[in-house]
Amino acid sequence: MSINQKGQQYKLRFLDDKDHEALKQIGKKEDRSLNYLINQAIKRFLQESAKA
């Protein structure tokens, strides 16, 4: 069975378990997935980098 997915995939390894747990708690509080939070952080980073 083939599933068509939109976008690229990247396997992420957290270097610090505390960061992972903090993101999970934020996601739970805001009813968002880790994937959503990470993608938003990447977008902000890219916007800030473009300004520099």
PDB file of N, CA and C in Angstrom:
ATOM      1  N   MET A   1       0.850  -1.179   0.000  1.00  0.00           N
ATOM      2  CA  MET A   1       0.000   0.000   0.000  1.00  0.00           C
ATOM      3  C   MET A   1       0.893   1.238   0.000  1.00  0.00           C
ATOM      4  N   SER A   2       0.608   2.171  -0.872  1.00  0.00           N
ATOM      5  CA  SER A   2       1.396   3.395  -0.998  1.00  0.00           C
ATOM      6  C   SER A   2       0.601   4.575  -0.454  1.00  0.00           C
ATOM      7  N   ILE A   3       1.260   5.344   0.372  1.00  0.00           N
ATOM      8  CA  ILE A   3       0.625   6.531   0.937  1.00  0.00           C
ATOM      9  C   ILE A   3       1.344   7.757   0.393  1.00  0.00           C
ATOM     10  N   ASN A   4       0.585   8.650  -0.229  1.00  0.00           N
ATOM     11  CA  ASN A   4       1.175   9.886  -0.729  1.00  0.00           C
ATOM     12  C   ASN A   4       1.234  10.895   0.399  1.00  0.00           C
ATOM     13  N   GLN A   5       2.446  11.376   0.694  1.00  0.00           N
ATOM     14  CA  GLN A   5       2.609  12.352   1.754  1.00  0.00           C
ATOM     15  C   GLN A   5       3.105  13.649   1.164  1.00  0.00           C
ATOM     16  N   LYS A   6       2.651  14.738   1.736  1.00  0.00           N
ATOM     17  CA  LYS A   6       3.058  16.058   1.295  1.00  0.00           C
ATOM     18  C   LYS A   6       4.273  16.492   2.107  1.00  0.00           C
ATOM     19  N   GLY A   7       5.274  17.014   1.451  1.00  0.00           N
ATOM     20  CA  GLY A   7       6.437  17.536   2.160  1.00  0.00           C
ATOM     21  C   GLY A   7       7.516  16.492   2.386  1.00  0.00           C
ATOM     22  N   GLN A   8       8.613  16.972   2.914  1.00  0.00           N
ATOM     23  CA  GLN A   8       9.761  16.129   3.197  1.00  0.00           C
ATOM     24  C   GLN A   8       9.714  15.618   4.626  1.00  0.00           C
ATOM     25  N   GLN A   9      10.327  14.475   4.855  1.00  0.00           N
ATOM     26  CA  GLN A   9      10.407  13.918   6.193  1.00  0.00           C
ATOM     27  C   GLN A   9      11.839  13.981   6.678  1.00  0.00           C
ATOM     28  N   TYR A  10      11.984  14.155   7.989  1.00  0.00           N
ATOM     29  CA  TYR A  10      13.300  14.188   8.602  1.00  0.00           C
ATOM     30  C   TYR A  10      13.190  13.552   9.977  1.00  0.00           C
ATOM     31  N   LYS A  11      14.043  12.614  10.229  1.00  0.00           N
ATOM     32  CA  LYS A  11      14.034  11.965  11.551  1.00  0.00           C
ATOM     33  C   LYS A  11      14.848  12.844  12.493  1.00  0.00           C
ATOM     34  N   LEU A  12      14.227  13.278  13.559  1.00  0.00           N
ATOM     35  CA  LEU A  12      14.849  14.193  14.506  1.00  0.00           C
ATOM     36  C   LEU A  12      15.274  13.454  15.759  1.00  0.00           C
ATOM     37  N   ARG A  13      16.492  13.707  16.193  1.00  0.00           N
ATOM     38  CA  ARG A  13      16.980  13.136  17.453  1.00  0.00           C
ATOM     39  C   ARG A  13      17.216  14.281  18.418  1.00  0.00           C
ATOM     40  N   PHE A  14      16.506  14.268  19.537  1.00  0.00           N
ATOM     41  CA  PHE A  14      16.690  15.283  20.559  1.00  0.00           C
ATOM     42  C   PHE A  14      17.990  14.989  21.301  1.00  0.00           C
ATOM     43  N   LEU A  15      18.824  16.008  21.459  1.00  0.00           N
ATOM     44  CA  LEU A  15      20.076  15.842  22.184  1.00  0.00           C
ATOM     45  C   LEU A  15      19.857  15.910  23.684  1.00  0.00           C
ATOM     46  N   ASP A  16      18.768  16.523  24.080  1.00  0.00           N
ATOM     47  CA  ASP A  16      18.478  16.687  25.504  1.00  0.00           C
ATOM     48  C   ASP A  16      17.048  16.222  25.775  1.00  0.00           C
ATOM     49  N   ASP A  17      16.908  15.238  26.632  1.00  0.00           N
ATOM     50  CA  ASP A  17      15.578  14.720  26.961  1.00  0.00           C
ATOM     51  C   ASP A  17      14.684  15.793  27.578  1.00  0.00           C
ATOM     52  N   LYS A  18      15.291  16.756  28.271  1.00  0.00           N
ATOM     53  CA  LYS A  18      14.516  17.836  28.879  1.00  0.00           C
ATOM     54  C   LYS A  18      13.844  18.697  27.812  1.00  0.00           C
ATOM     55  N   ASP A  19      14.548  18.934  26.700  1.00  0.00           N
ATOM     56  CA  ASP A  19      13.951  19.698  25.589  1.00  0.00           C
ATOM     57  C   ASP A  19      12.763  18.955  25.010  1.00  0.00           C
ATOM     58  N   HIS A  20      12.908  17.673  24.829  1.00  0.00           N
ATOM     59  CA  HIS A  20      11.835  16.856  24.275  1.00  0.00           C
ATOM     60  C   HIS A  20      10.614  16.879  25.192  1.00  0.00           C
ATOM     61  N   GLU A  21      10.859  16.713  26.480  1.00  0.00           N
ATOM     62  CA  GLU A  21       9.758  16.713  27.446  1.00  0.00           C
ATOM     63  C   GLU A  21       9.080  18.084  27.496  1.00  0.00           C
ATOM     64  N   ALA A  22       9.875  19.158  27.453  1.00  0.00           N
ATOM     65  CA  ALA A  22       9.311  20.515  27.473  1.00  0.00           C
ATOM     66  C   ALA A  22       8.421  20.744  26.255  1.00  0.00           C
ATOM     67  N   LEU A  23       8.860  20.308  25.081  1.00  0.00           N
ATOM     68  CA  LEU A  23       8.043  20.462  23.871  1.00  0.00           C
ATOM     69  C   LEU A  23       6.758  19.649  23.970  1.00  0.00           C
ATOM     70  N   LYS A  24       6.858  18.436  24.510  1.00  0.00           N
ATOM     71  CA  LYS A  24       5.654  17.617  24.671  1.00  0.00           C
ATOM     72  C   LYS A  24       4.651  18.306  25.592  1.00  0.00           C
ATOM     73  N   GLN A  25       5.129  18.934  26.653  1.00  0.00           N
ATOM     74  CA  GLN A  25       4.237  19.628  27.578  1.00  0.00           C
ATOM     75  C   GLN A  25       3.596  20.847  26.915  1.00  0.00           C
ATOM     76  N   ILE A  26       4.375  21.591  26.141  1.00  0.00           N
ATOM     77  CA  ILE A  26       3.817  22.742  25.412  1.00  0.00           C
ATOM     78  C   ILE A  26       2.762  22.265  24.420  1.00  0.00           C
ATOM     79  N   GLY A  27       3.063  21.199  23.706  1.00  0.00           N
ATOM     80  CA  GLY A  27       2.116  20.651  22.739  1.00  0.00           C
ATOM     81  C   GLY A  27       0.818  20.225  23.408  1.00  0.00           C
ATOM     82  N   LYS A  28       0.950  19.599  24.555  1.00  0.00           N
ATOM     83  CA  LYS A  28      -0.242  19.159  25.296  1.00  0.00           C
ATOM     84  C   LYS A  28      -1.060  20.365  25.742  1.00  0.00           C
ATOM     85  N   LYS A  29      -0.379  21.377  26.275  1.00  0.00           N
ATOM     86  CA  LYS A  29      -1.047  22.582  26.761  1.00  0.00           C
ATOM     87  C   LYS A  29      -1.762  23.332  25.631  1.00  0.00           C
ATOM     88  N   GLU A  30      -1.115  23.393  24.466  1.00  0.00           N
ATOM     89  CA  GLU A  30      -1.671  24.137  23.330  1.00  0.00           C
ATOM     90  C   GLU A  30      -2.449  23.259  22.360  1.00  0.00           C
ATOM     91  N   ASP A  31      -2.593  21.980  22.691  1.00  0.00           N
ATOM     92  CA  ASP A  31      -3.276  21.007  21.826  1.00  0.00           C
ATOM     93  C   ASP A  31      -2.667  20.998  20.420  1.00  0.00           C
ATOM     94  N   ARG A  32      -1.337  20.887  20.385  1.00  0.00           N
ATOM     95  CA  ARG A  32      -0.580  20.844  19.125  1.00  0.00           C
ATOM     96  C   ARG A  32       0.355  19.646  19.139  1.00  0.00           C
ATOM     97  N   SER A  33       0.691  19.161  17.962  1.00  0.00           N
ATOM     98  CA  SER A  33       1.626  18.039  17.856  1.00  0.00           C
ATOM     99  C   SER A  33       3.065  18.545  17.922  1.00  0.00           C
ATOM    100  N   LEU A  34       3.975  17.643  18.247  1.00  0.00           N
ATOM    101  CA  LEU A  34       5.399  17.988  18.218  1.00  0.00           C
ATOM    102  C   LEU A  34       5.790  18.431  16.812  1.00  0.00           C
ATOM    103  N   ASN A  35       5.272  17.760  15.818  1.00  0.00           N
ATOM    104  CA  ASN A  35       5.578  18.114  14.438  1.00  0.00           C
ATOM    105  C   ASN A  35       5.198  19.563  14.146  1.00  0.00           C
ATOM    106  N   TYR A  36       4.029  19.970  14.582  1.00  0.00           N
ATOM    107  CA  TYR A  36       3.582  21.347  14.376  1.00  0.00           C
ATOM    108  C   TYR A  36       4.530  22.330  15.069  1.00  0.00           C
ATOM    109  N   LEU A  37       4.858  22.059  16.329  1.00  0.00           N
ATOM    110  CA  LEU A  37       5.725  22.963  17.087  1.00  0.00           C
ATOM    111  C   LEU A  37       7.104  23.090  16.442  1.00  0.00           C
ATOM    112  N   ILE A  38       7.649  21.976  15.989  1.00  0.00           N
ATOM    113  CA  ILE A  38       8.970  21.993  15.358  1.00  0.00           C
ATOM    114  C   ILE A  38       8.927  22.765  14.047  1.00  0.00           C
ATOM    115  N   ASN A  39       7.882  22.546  13.255  1.00  0.00           N
ATOM    116  CA  ASN A  39       7.767  23.275  11.989  1.00  0.00           C
ATOM    117  C   ASN A  39       7.614  24.777  12.214  1.00  0.00           C
ATOM    118  N   GLN A  40       6.877  25.171  13.248  1.00  0.00           N
ATOM    119  CA  GLN A  40       6.728  26.598  13.557  1.00  0.00           C
ATOM    120  C   GLN A  40       8.062  27.194  13.993  1.00  0.00           C
ATOM    121  N   ALA A  41       8.824  26.447  14.786  1.00  0.00           N
ATOM    122  CA  ALA A  41      10.139  26.918  15.227  1.00  0.00           C
ATOM    123  C   ALA A  41      11.080  27.087  14.037  1.00  0.00           C
ATOM    124  N   ILE A  42      11.025  26.169  13.092  1.00  0.00           N
ATOM    125  CA  ILE A  42      11.862  26.264  11.891  1.00  0.00           C
ATOM    126  C   ILE A  42      11.481  27.500  11.088  1.00  0.00           C
ATOM    127  N   LYS A  43      10.173  27.737  10.920  1.00  0.00           N
ATOM    128  CA  LYS A  43       9.723  28.916  10.171  1.00  0.00           C
ATOM    129  C   LYS A  43      10.211  30.200  10.826  1.00  0.00           C
ATOM    130  N   ARG A  44      10.107  30.286  12.155  1.00  0.00           N
ATOM    131  CA  ARG A  44      10.596  31.476  12.869  1.00  0.00           C
ATOM    132  C   ARG A  44      12.094  31.647  12.690  1.00  0.00           C
ATOM    133  N   PHE A  45      12.822  30.556  12.808  1.00  0.00           N
ATOM    134  CA  PHE A  45      14.271  30.603  12.636  1.00  0.00           C
ATOM    135  C   PHE A  45      14.638  31.117  11.250  1.00  0.00           C
ATOM    136  N   LEU A  46      13.972  30.616  10.229  1.00  0.00           N
ATOM    137  CA  LEU A  46      14.254  31.047   8.858  1.00  0.00           C
ATOM    138  C   LEU A  46      13.901  32.518   8.643  1.00  0.00           C
ATOM    139  N   GLN A  47      12.803  32.974   9.236  1.00  0.00           N
ATOM    140  CA  GLN A  47      12.421  34.375   9.124  1.00  0.00           C
ATOM    141  C   GLN A  47      13.463  35.269   9.795  1.00  0.00           C
ATOM    142  N   GLU A  48      13.910  34.882  10.973  1.00  0.00           N
ATOM    143  CA  GLU A  48      14.930  35.654  11.696  1.00  0.00           C
ATOM    144  C   GLU A  48      16.257  35.652  10.949  1.00  0.00           C
ATOM    145  N   SER A  49      16.606  34.515  10.377  1.00  0.00           N
ATOM    146  CA  SER A  49      17.862  34.399   9.616  1.00  0.00           C
ATOM    147  C   SER A  49      17.836  35.271   8.375  1.00  0.00           C
ATOM    148  N   ALA A  50      16.654  35.400   7.767  1.00  0.00           N
ATOM    149  CA  ALA A  50      16.534  36.222   6.560  1.00  0.00           C
ATOM    150  C   ALA A  50      16.696  37.700   6.904  1.00  0.00           C
ATOM    151  N   LYS A  51      16.344  38.091   8.126  1.00  0.00           N
ATOM    152  CA  LYS A  51      16.457  39.480   8.552  1.00  0.00           C
ATOM    153  C   LYS A  51      17.901  39.857   8.875  1.00  0.00           C
ATOM    154  N   ALA A  52      18.685  38.873   9.261  1.00  0.00           N
ATOM    155  CA  ALA A  52      20.065  39.146   9.707  1.00  0.00           C
ATOM    156  C   ALA A  52      20.995  39.484   8.558  1.00  0.00           C
TER     157      ALA A  52
END
